[in-house]
Amino acid sequence: MFLWCARMLRARADCARLVADGGIRINRQPTEKPHAKIRIGDIITLPIRGDVLVLEVQTLAERRGPATAARLLYRLIPDTSVQGGDAAEPLP
């Protein structure tokens, strides 16, 4: 339900399918339960739109609200696999 309230996907069924397919990790642990308990501070890793998002749960919602309210539910954790920017520059 958190993914739907946070507007990661349009339909609850799509969110449930993504979880059931094993694409979601909660605190680095794979989950296949769409009803898994989410707590404030949990880290959720999910593949979405051809990318992998890592987000920290900031607050929980009782219902799905507008996109501006949904954005306040989580904080995106930036990709730290390339640090300093030097690795992305081409060699001379």
PDB file of N, CA and C in Angstrom:
ATOM      1  N   MET A   1       0.823  -1.195   0.000  1.00  0.00           N
ATOM      2  CA  MET A   1       0.000   0.000   0.000  1.00  0.00           C
ATOM      3  C   MET A   1       0.867   1.258   0.000  1.00  0.00           C
ATOM      4  N   PHE A   2       2.056   1.207   0.636  1.00  0.00           N
ATOM      5  CA  PHE A   2       2.913   2.385   0.680  1.00  0.00           C
ATOM      6  C   PHE A   2       3.294   2.836  -0.733  1.00  0.00           C
ATOM      7  N   LEU A   3       3.658   1.890  -1.597  1.00  0.00           N
ATOM      8  CA  LEU A   3       4.063   2.252  -2.963  1.00  0.00           C
ATOM      9  C   LEU A   3       2.940   2.949  -3.705  1.00  0.00           C
ATOM     10  N   TRP A   4       1.716   2.515  -3.480  1.00  0.00           N
ATOM     11  CA  TRP A   4       0.576   3.132  -4.140  1.00  0.00           C
ATOM     12  C   TRP A   4       0.323   4.535  -3.577  1.00  0.00           C
ATOM     13  N   CYS A   5       0.378   4.669  -2.241  1.00  0.00           N
ATOM     14  CA  CYS A   5       0.178   5.983  -1.622  1.00  0.00           C
ATOM     15  C   CYS A   5       1.282   6.957  -2.023  1.00  0.00           C
ATOM     16  N   ALA A   6       2.496   6.436  -2.227  1.00  0.00           N
ATOM     17  CA  ALA A   6       3.616   7.283  -2.626  1.00  0.00           C
ATOM     18  C   ALA A   6       3.626   7.539  -4.136  1.00  0.00           C
ATOM     19  N   ARG A   7       2.647   6.987  -4.825  1.00  0.00           N
ATOM     20  CA  ARG A   7       2.454   7.185  -6.263  1.00  0.00           C
ATOM     21  C   ARG A   7       3.632   6.690  -7.105  1.00  0.00           C
ATOM     22  N   MET A   8       4.202   5.546  -6.699  1.00  0.00           N
ATOM     23  CA  MET A   8       5.268   4.932  -7.484  1.00  0.00           C
ATOM     24  C   MET A   8       4.711   4.289  -8.755  1.00  0.00           C
ATOM     25  N   LEU A   9       3.486   3.762  -8.662  1.00  0.00           N
ATOM     26  CA  LEU A   9       2.775   3.193  -9.805  1.00  0.00           C
ATOM     27  C   LEU A   9       1.330   3.671  -9.752  1.00  0.00           C
ATOM     28  N   ARG A  10       0.636   3.569 -10.864  1.00  0.00           N
ATOM     29  CA  ARG A  10      -0.723   4.112 -10.931  1.00  0.00           C
ATOM     30  C   ARG A  10      -1.762   3.286 -10.191  1.00  0.00           C
ATOM     31  N   ALA A  11      -1.675   1.965 -10.284  1.00  0.00           N
ATOM     32  CA  ALA A  11      -2.723   1.109  -9.715  1.00  0.00           C
ATOM     33  C   ALA A  11      -2.177   0.257  -8.573  1.00  0.00           C
ATOM     34  N   ARG A  12      -3.040  -0.019  -7.596  1.00  0.00           N
ATOM     35  CA  ARG A  12      -2.645  -0.897  -6.487  1.00  0.00           C
ATOM     36  C   ARG A  12      -2.254  -2.269  -6.997  1.00  0.00           C
ATOM     37  N   ALA A  13      -2.947  -2.751  -8.001  1.00  0.00           N
ATOM     38  CA  ALA A  13      -2.637  -4.069  -8.555  1.00  0.00           C
ATOM     39  C   ALA A  13      -1.226  -4.106  -9.146  1.00  0.00           C
ATOM     40  N   ASP A  14      -0.809  -3.019  -9.775  1.00  0.00           N
ATOM     41  CA  ASP A  14       0.546  -2.947 -10.327  1.00  0.00           C
ATOM     42  C   ASP A  14       1.589  -2.990  -9.209  1.00  0.00           C
ATOM     43  N   CYS A  15       1.325  -2.298  -8.120  1.00  0.00           N
ATOM     44  CA  CYS A  15       2.227  -2.307  -6.965  1.00  0.00           C
ATOM     45  C   CYS A  15       2.308  -3.714  -6.373  1.00  0.00           C
ATOM     46  N   ALA A  16       1.158  -4.358  -6.212  1.00  0.00           N
ATOM     47  CA  ALA A  16       1.123  -5.710  -5.656  1.00  0.00           C
ATOM     48  C   ALA A  16       1.857  -6.692  -6.559  1.00  0.00           C
ATOM     49  N   ARG A  17       1.711  -6.540  -7.867  1.00  0.00           N
ATOM     50  CA  ARG A  17       2.380  -7.426  -8.817  1.00  0.00           C
ATOM     51  C   ARG A  17       3.895  -7.258  -8.741  1.00  0.00           C
ATOM     52  N   LEU A  18       4.366  -6.013  -8.636  1.00  0.00           N
ATOM     53  CA  LEU A  18       5.797  -5.739  -8.528  1.00  0.00           C
ATOM     54  C   LEU A  18       6.385  -6.400  -7.276  1.00  0.00           C
ATOM     55  N   VAL A  19       5.664  -6.313  -6.179  1.00  0.00           N
ATOM     56  CA  VAL A  19       6.111  -6.940  -4.931  1.00  0.00           C
ATOM     57  C   VAL A  19       6.069  -8.462  -5.063  1.00  0.00           C
ATOM     58  N   ALA A  20       4.987  -8.996  -5.593  1.00  0.00           N
ATOM     59  CA  ALA A  20       4.832 -10.447  -5.721  1.00  0.00           C
ATOM     60  C   ALA A  20       5.888 -11.056  -6.643  1.00  0.00           C
ATOM     61  N   ASP A  21       6.346 -10.282  -7.619  1.00  0.00           N
ATOM     62  CA  ASP A  21       7.384 -10.759  -8.541  1.00  0.00           C
ATOM     63  C   ASP A  21       8.771 -10.742  -7.908  1.00  0.00           C
ATOM     64  N   GLY A  22       8.871 -10.246  -6.674  1.00  0.00           N
ATOM     65  CA  GLY A  22      10.156 -10.245  -5.974  1.00  0.00           C
ATOM     66  C   GLY A  22      11.048  -9.072  -6.323  1.00  0.00           C
ATOM     67  N   GLY A  23      10.487  -8.018  -6.865  1.00  0.00           N
ATOM     68  CA  GLY A  23      11.287  -6.876  -7.278  1.00  0.00           C
ATOM     69  C   GLY A  23      11.554  -5.864  -6.182  1.00  0.00           C
ATOM     70  N   ILE A  24      10.991  -6.041  -5.011  1.00  0.00           N
ATOM     71  CA  ILE A  24      11.098  -5.052  -3.939  1.00  0.00           C
ATOM     72  C   ILE A  24      11.949  -5.601  -2.799  1.00  0.00           C
ATOM     73  N   ARG A  25      12.781  -4.735  -2.267  1.00  0.00           N
ATOM     74  CA  ARG A  25      13.551  -5.071  -1.068  1.00  0.00           C
ATOM     75  C   ARG A  25      13.219  -4.043   0.012  1.00  0.00           C
ATOM     76  N   ILE A  26      13.038  -4.548   1.219  1.00  0.00           N
ATOM     77  CA  ILE A  26      12.815  -3.677   2.378  1.00  0.00           C
ATOM     78  C   ILE A  26      13.980  -3.915   3.317  1.00  0.00           C
ATOM     79  N   ASN A  27      14.747  -2.869   3.559  1.00  0.00           N
ATOM     80  CA  ASN A  27      15.952  -2.978   4.388  1.00  0.00           C
ATOM     81  C   ASN A  27      16.856  -4.105   3.892  1.00  0.00           C
ATOM     82  N   ARG A  28      17.073  -4.141   2.578  1.00  0.00           N
ATOM     83  CA  ARG A  28      17.944  -5.092   1.886  1.00  0.00           C
ATOM     84  C   ARG A  28      17.424  -6.529   1.857  1.00  0.00           C
ATOM     85  N   GLN A  29      16.241  -6.765   2.382  1.00  0.00           N
ATOM     86  CA  GLN A  29      15.658  -8.103   2.397  1.00  0.00           C
ATOM     87  C   GLN A  29      14.557  -8.188   1.342  1.00  0.00           C
ATOM     88  N   PRO A  30      14.641  -9.163   0.427  1.00  0.00           N
ATOM     89  CA  PRO A  30      13.577  -9.290  -0.569  1.00  0.00           C
ATOM     90  C   PRO A  30      12.247  -9.635   0.102  1.00  0.00           C
ATOM     91  N   THR A  31      11.181  -9.120  -0.440  1.00  0.00           N
ATOM     92  CA  THR A  31       9.854  -9.434   0.077  1.00  0.00           C
ATOM     93  C   THR A  31       8.944  -9.786  -1.080  1.00  0.00           C
ATOM     94  N   GLU A  32       8.056 -10.716  -0.841  1.00  0.00           N
ATOM     95  CA  GLU A  32       7.055 -11.093  -1.836  1.00  0.00           C
ATOM     96  C   GLU A  32       5.656 -10.852  -1.299  1.00  0.00           C
ATOM     97  N   LYS A  33       5.567 -10.092  -0.206  1.00  0.00           N
ATOM     98  CA  LYS A  33       4.275  -9.842   0.433  1.00  0.00           C
ATOM     99  C   LYS A  33       3.843  -8.388   0.188  1.00  0.00           C
ATOM    100  N   PRO A  34       2.797  -8.198  -0.599  1.00  0.00           N
ATOM    101  CA  PRO A  34       2.320  -6.836  -0.830  1.00  0.00           C
ATOM    102  C   PRO A  34       1.855  -6.147   0.459  1.00  0.00           C
ATOM    103  N   HIS A  35       1.531  -6.916   1.482  1.00  0.00           N
ATOM    104  CA  HIS A  35       1.054  -6.349   2.736  1.00  0.00           C
ATOM    105  C   HIS A  35       2.165  -6.241   3.785  1.00  0.00           C
ATOM    106  N   ALA A  36       3.428  -6.315   3.360  1.00  0.00           N
ATOM    107  CA  ALA A  36       4.546  -6.240   4.301  1.00  0.00           C
ATOM    108  C   ALA A  36       4.478  -4.924   5.091  1.00  0.00           C
ATOM    109  N   LYS A  37       4.817  -5.002   6.359  1.00  0.00           N
ATOM    110  CA  LYS A  37       4.788  -3.817   7.225  1.00  0.00           C
ATOM    111  C   LYS A  37       5.943  -2.885   6.879  1.00  0.00           C
ATOM    112  N   ILE A  38       5.618  -1.638   6.680  1.00  0.00           N
ATOM    113  CA  ILE A  38       6.604  -0.594   6.416  1.00  0.00           C
ATOM    114  C   ILE A  38       6.599   0.334   7.614  1.00  0.00           C
ATOM    115  N   ARG A  39       7.789   0.705   8.053  1.00  0.00           N
ATOM    116  CA  ARG A  39       7.916   1.623   9.186  1.00  0.00           C
ATOM    117  C   ARG A  39       8.723   2.845   8.766  1.00  0.00           C
ATOM    118  N   ILE A  40       8.556   3.912   9.477  1.00  0.00           N
ATOM    119  CA  ILE A  40       9.340   5.109   9.222  1.00  0.00           C
ATOM    120  C   ILE A  40      10.806   4.754   9.415  1.00  0.00           C
ATOM    121  N   GLY A  41      11.624   5.164   8.458  1.00  0.00           N
ATOM    122  CA  GLY A  41      13.054   4.868   8.502  1.00  0.00           C
ATOM    123  C   GLY A  41      13.451   3.669   7.668  1.00  0.00           C
ATOM    124  N   ASP A  42      12.483   2.867   7.208  1.00  0.00           N
ATOM    125  CA  ASP A  42      12.797   1.719   6.361  1.00  0.00           C
ATOM    126  C   ASP A  42      13.367   2.198   5.029  1.00  0.00           C
ATOM    127  N   ILE A  43      14.248   1.382   4.463  1.00  0.00           N
ATOM    128  CA  ILE A  43      14.828   1.659   3.154  1.00  0.00           C
ATOM    129  C   ILE A  43      14.188   0.689   2.162  1.00  0.00           C
ATOM    130  N   ILE A  44      13.602   1.233   1.112  1.00  0.00           N
ATOM    131  CA  ILE A  44      12.934   0.431   0.092  1.00  0.00           C
ATOM    132  C   ILE A  44      13.717   0.565  -1.206  1.00  0.00           C
ATOM    133  N   THR A  45      14.038  -0.573  -1.807  1.00  0.00           N
ATOM    134  CA  THR A  45      14.720  -0.605  -3.096  1.00  0.00           C
ATOM    135  C   THR A  45      13.756  -1.194  -4.106  1.00  0.00           C
ATOM    136  N   LEU A  46      13.529  -0.482  -5.224  1.00  0.00           N
ATOM    137  CA  LEU A  46      12.584  -0.976  -6.215  1.00  0.00           C
ATOM    138  C   LEU A  46      13.023  -0.634  -7.621  1.00  0.00           C
ATOM    139  N   PRO A  47      12.832  -1.585  -8.535  1.00  0.00           N
ATOM    140  CA  PRO A  47      13.096  -1.291  -9.944  1.00  0.00           C
ATOM    141  C   PRO A  47      11.857  -0.629 -10.541  1.00  0.00           C
ATOM    142  N   ILE A  48      12.057   0.518 -11.137  1.00  0.00           N
ATOM    143  CA  ILE A  48      10.912   1.226 -11.694  1.00  0.00           C
ATOM    144  C   ILE A  48      11.356   2.074 -12.882  1.00  0.00           C
ATOM    145  N   ARG A  49      10.618   1.985 -13.946  1.00  0.00           N
ATOM    146  CA  ARG A  49      10.877   2.757 -15.163  1.00  0.00           C
ATOM    147  C   ARG A  49      12.310   2.596 -15.667  1.00  0.00           C
ATOM    148  N   GLY A  50      12.821   1.368 -15.651  1.00  0.00           N
ATOM    149  CA  GLY A  50      14.163   1.102 -16.165  1.00  0.00           C
ATOM    150  C   GLY A  50      15.289   1.562 -15.261  1.00  0.00           C
ATOM    151  N   ASP A  51      14.997   1.920 -14.039  1.00  0.00           N
ATOM    152  CA  ASP A  51      15.999   2.392 -13.093  1.00  0.00           C
ATOM    153  C   ASP A  51      15.758   1.698 -11.752  1.00  0.00           C
ATOM    154  N   VAL A  52      16.689   1.830 -10.850  1.00  0.00           N
ATOM    155  CA  VAL A  52      16.517   1.301  -9.499  1.00  0.00           C
ATOM    156  C   VAL A  52      16.461   2.490  -8.552  1.00  0.00           C
ATOM    157  N   LEU A  53      15.361   2.605  -7.831  1.00  0.00           N
ATOM    158  CA  LEU A  53      15.204   3.681  -6.861  1.00  0.00           C
ATOM    159  C   LEU A  53      15.438   3.140  -5.467  1.00  0.00           C
ATOM    160  N   VAL A  54      16.143   3.925  -4.666  1.00  0.00           N
ATOM    161  CA  VAL A  54      16.332   3.604  -3.256  1.00  0.00           C
ATOM    162  C   VAL A  54      15.744   4.776  -2.490  1.00  0.00           C
ATOM    163  N   LEU A  55      14.811   4.488  -1.611  1.00  0.00           N
ATOM    164  CA  LEU A  55      14.170   5.564  -0.878  1.00  0.00           C
ATOM    165  C   LEU A  55      14.014   5.209   0.588  1.00  0.00           C
ATOM    166  N   GLU A  56      14.010   6.238   1.404  1.00  0.00           N
ATOM    167  CA  GLU A  56      13.809   6.084   2.838  1.00  0.00           C
ATOM    168  C   GLU A  56      12.418   6.578   3.185  1.00  0.00           C
ATOM    169  N   VAL A  57      11.685   5.786   3.934  1.00  0.00           N
ATOM    170  CA  VAL A  57      10.326   6.148   4.334  1.00  0.00           C
ATOM    171  C   VAL A  57      10.404   7.257   5.383  1.00  0.00           C
ATOM    172  N   GLN A  58       9.796   8.396   5.098  1.00  0.00           N
ATOM    173  CA  GLN A  58       9.797   9.545   6.001  1.00  0.00           C
ATOM    174  C   GLN A  58       8.560   9.588   6.887  1.00  0.00           C
ATOM    175  N   THR A  59       7.432   9.210   6.302  1.00  0.00           N
ATOM    176  CA  THR A  59       6.165   9.200   7.033  1.00  0.00           C
ATOM    177  C   THR A  59       5.222   8.234   6.323  1.00  0.00           C
ATOM    178  N   LEU A  60       4.158   7.863   6.989  1.00  0.00           N
ATOM    179  CA  LEU A  60       3.177   6.943   6.419  1.00  0.00           C
ATOM    180  C   LEU A  60       1.883   7.692   6.131  1.00  0.00           C
ATOM    181  N   ALA A  61       1.118   7.184   5.192  1.00  0.00           N
ATOM    182  CA  ALA A  61      -0.144   7.825   4.819  1.00  0.00           C
ATOM    183  C   ALA A  61      -1.303   6.872   5.093  1.00  0.00           C
ATOM    184  N   GLU A  62      -2.428   7.430   5.483  1.00  0.00           N
ATOM    185  CA  GLU A  62      -3.630   6.630   5.684  1.00  0.00           C
ATOM    186  C   GLU A  62      -4.382   6.423   4.378  1.00  0.00           C
ATOM    187  N   ARG A  63      -4.191   7.351   3.440  1.00  0.00           N
ATOM    188  CA  ARG A  63      -4.858   7.240   2.142  1.00  0.00           C
ATOM    189  C   ARG A  63      -3.985   7.891   1.085  1.00  0.00           C
ATOM    190  N   ARG A  64      -4.313   7.652  -0.163  1.00  0.00           N
ATOM    191  CA  ARG A  64      -3.565   8.224  -1.273  1.00  0.00           C
ATOM    192  C   ARG A  64      -4.004   9.660  -1.484  1.00  0.00           C
ATOM    193  N   GLY A  65      -3.048  10.553  -1.495  1.00  0.00           N
ATOM    194  CA  GLY A  65      -3.353  11.964  -1.677  1.00  0.00           C
ATOM    195  C   GLY A  65      -2.770  12.484  -2.977  1.00  0.00           C
ATOM    196  N   PRO A  66      -2.705  13.801  -3.105  1.00  0.00           N
ATOM    197  CA  PRO A  66      -2.136  14.393  -4.315  1.00  0.00           C
ATOM    198  C   PRO A  66      -0.630  14.128  -4.399  1.00  0.00           C
ATOM    199  N   ALA A  67      -0.075  14.318  -5.580  1.00  0.00           N
ATOM    200  CA  ALA A  67       1.341  14.048  -5.810  1.00  0.00           C
ATOM    201  C   ALA A  67       2.244  14.855  -4.885  1.00  0.00           C
ATOM    202  N   THR A  68       1.859  16.082  -4.577  1.00  0.00           N
ATOM    203  CA  THR A  68       2.692  16.907  -3.684  1.00  0.00           C
ATOM    204  C   THR A  68       2.768  16.302  -2.290  1.00  0.00           C
ATOM    205  N   ALA A  69       1.676  15.719  -1.810  1.00  0.00           N
ATOM    206  CA  ALA A  69       1.671  15.068  -0.500  1.00  0.00           C
ATOM    207  C   ALA A  69       2.406  13.728  -0.570  1.00  0.00           C
ATOM    208  N   ALA A  70       2.273  13.020  -1.680  1.00  0.00           N
ATOM    209  CA  ALA A  70       2.941  11.728  -1.844  1.00  0.00           C
ATOM    210  C   ALA A  70       4.448  11.891  -1.818  1.00  0.00           C
ATOM    211  N   ARG A  71       4.955  12.968  -2.368  1.00  0.00           N
ATOM    212  CA  ARG A  71       6.404  13.205  -2.415  1.00  0.00           C
ATOM    213  C   ARG A  71       6.991  13.401  -1.018  1.00  0.00           C
ATOM    214  N   LEU A  72       6.182  13.788  -0.063  1.00  0.00           N
ATOM    215  CA  LEU A  72       6.647  13.997   1.313  1.00  0.00           C
ATOM    216  C   LEU A  72       6.747  12.692   2.101  1.00  0.00           C
ATOM    217  N   LEU A  73       6.242  11.596   1.540  1.00  0.00           N
ATOM    218  CA  LEU A  73       6.262  10.317   2.239  1.00  0.00           C
ATOM    219  C   LEU A  73       7.648   9.674   2.263  1.00  0.00           C
ATOM    220  N   TYR A  74       8.515  10.059   1.333  1.00  0.00           N
ATOM    221  CA  TYR A  74       9.814   9.409   1.209  1.00  0.00           C
ATOM    222  C   TYR A  74      10.902  10.408   0.827  1.00  0.00           C
ATOM    223  N   ARG A  75      12.146   9.941   1.006  1.00  0.00           N
ATOM    224  CA  ARG A  75      13.319  10.710   0.588  1.00  0.00           C
ATOM    225  C   ARG A  75      14.140   9.809  -0.316  1.00  0.00           C
ATOM    226  N   LEU A  76      14.431  10.285  -1.523  1.00  0.00           N
ATOM    227  CA  LEU A  76      15.257   9.511  -2.437  1.00  0.00           C
ATOM    228  C   LEU A  76      16.694   9.505  -1.943  1.00  0.00           C
ATOM    229  N   ILE A  77      17.297   8.345  -1.944  1.00  0.00           N
ATOM    230  CA  ILE A  77      18.698   8.217  -1.574  1.00  0.00           C
ATOM    231  C   ILE A  77      19.482   8.201  -2.875  1.00  0.00           C
ATOM    232  N   PRO A  78      20.410   9.139  -3.059  1.00  0.00           N
ATOM    233  CA  PRO A  78      21.129   9.224  -4.333  1.00  0.00           C
ATOM    234  C   PRO A  78      22.024   8.013  -4.560  1.00  0.00           C
ATOM    235  N   ASP A  79      22.305   7.732  -5.824  1.00  0.00           N
ATOM    236  CA  ASP A  79      23.179   6.631  -6.201  1.00  0.00           C
ATOM    237  C   ASP A  79      24.604   6.989  -5.802  1.00  0.00           C
ATOM    238  N   THR A  80      25.198   6.151  -4.968  1.00  0.00           N
ATOM    239  CA  THR A  80      26.559   6.414  -4.493  1.00  0.00           C
ATOM    240  C   THR A  80      27.565   5.450  -5.106  1.00  0.00           C
ATOM    241  N   SER A  81      27.176   4.737  -6.163  1.00  0.00           N
ATOM    242  CA  SER A  81      28.086   3.777  -6.771  1.00  0.00           C
ATOM    243  C   SER A  81      29.246   4.455  -7.484  1.00  0.00           C
ATOM    244  N   VAL A  82      29.037   5.678  -7.983  1.00  0.00           N
ATOM    245  CA  VAL A  82      30.112   6.451  -8.603  1.00  0.00           C
ATOM    246  C   VAL A  82      30.328   7.668  -7.727  1.00  0.00           C
ATOM    247  N   GLN A  83      31.466   7.715  -7.066  1.00  0.00           N
ATOM    248  CA  GLN A  83      31.728   8.813  -6.143  1.00  0.00           C
ATOM    249  C   GLN A  83      32.779   9.750  -6.718  1.00  0.00           C
ATOM    250  N   GLY A  84      32.623  11.013  -6.474  1.00  0.00           N
ATOM    251  CA  GLY A  84      33.594  12.011  -6.873  1.00  0.00           C
ATOM    252  C   GLY A  84      33.457  12.481  -8.301  1.00  0.00           C
ATOM    253  N   GLY A  85      32.758  11.765  -9.140  1.00  0.00           N
ATOM    254  CA  GLY A  85      32.561  12.188 -10.512  1.00  0.00           C
ATOM    255  C   GLY A  85      33.713  11.845 -11.440  1.00  0.00           C
ATOM    256  N   ASP A  86      34.882  11.486 -10.927  1.00  0.00           N
ATOM    257  CA  ASP A  86      36.035  11.201 -11.755  1.00  0.00           C
ATOM    258  C   ASP A  86      35.854   9.939 -12.587  1.00  0.00           C
ATOM    259  N   ALA A  87      35.161   8.958 -12.051  1.00  0.00           N
ATOM    260  CA  ALA A  87      35.006   7.686 -12.752  1.00  0.00           C
ATOM    261  C   ALA A  87      34.172   7.834 -14.029  1.00  0.00           C
ATOM    262  N   ALA A  88      33.343   8.850 -14.094  1.00  0.00           N
ATOM    263  CA  ALA A  88      32.488   9.026 -15.261  1.00  0.00           C
ATOM    264  C   ALA A  88      33.187   9.774 -16.396  1.00  0.00           C
ATOM    265  N   GLU A  89      34.323  10.400 -16.110  1.00  0.00           N
ATOM    266  CA  GLU A  89      35.028  11.163 -17.150  1.00  0.00           C
ATOM    267  C   GLU A  89      35.829  10.228 -18.040  1.00  0.00           C
ATOM    268  N   PRO A  90      35.855  10.502 -19.332  1.00  0.00           N
ATOM    269  CA  PRO A  90      36.611   9.637 -20.247  1.00  0.00           C
ATOM    270  C   PRO A  90      38.112   9.811 -20.028  1.00  0.00           C
ATOM    271  N   LEU A  91      38.840   8.754 -20.303  1.00  0.00           N
ATOM    272  CA  LEU A  91      40.307   8.806 -20.202  1.00  0.00           C
ATOM    273  C   LEU A  91      40.872   9.532 -21.413  1.00  0.00           C
ATOM    274  N   PRO A  92      41.995  10.263 -21.242  1.00  0.00           N
ATOM    275  CA  PRO A  92      42.591  11.003 -22.385  1.00  0.00           C
ATOM    276  C   PRO A  92      43.192  10.085 -23.412  1.00  0.00           C
TER     277      PRO A  92
END
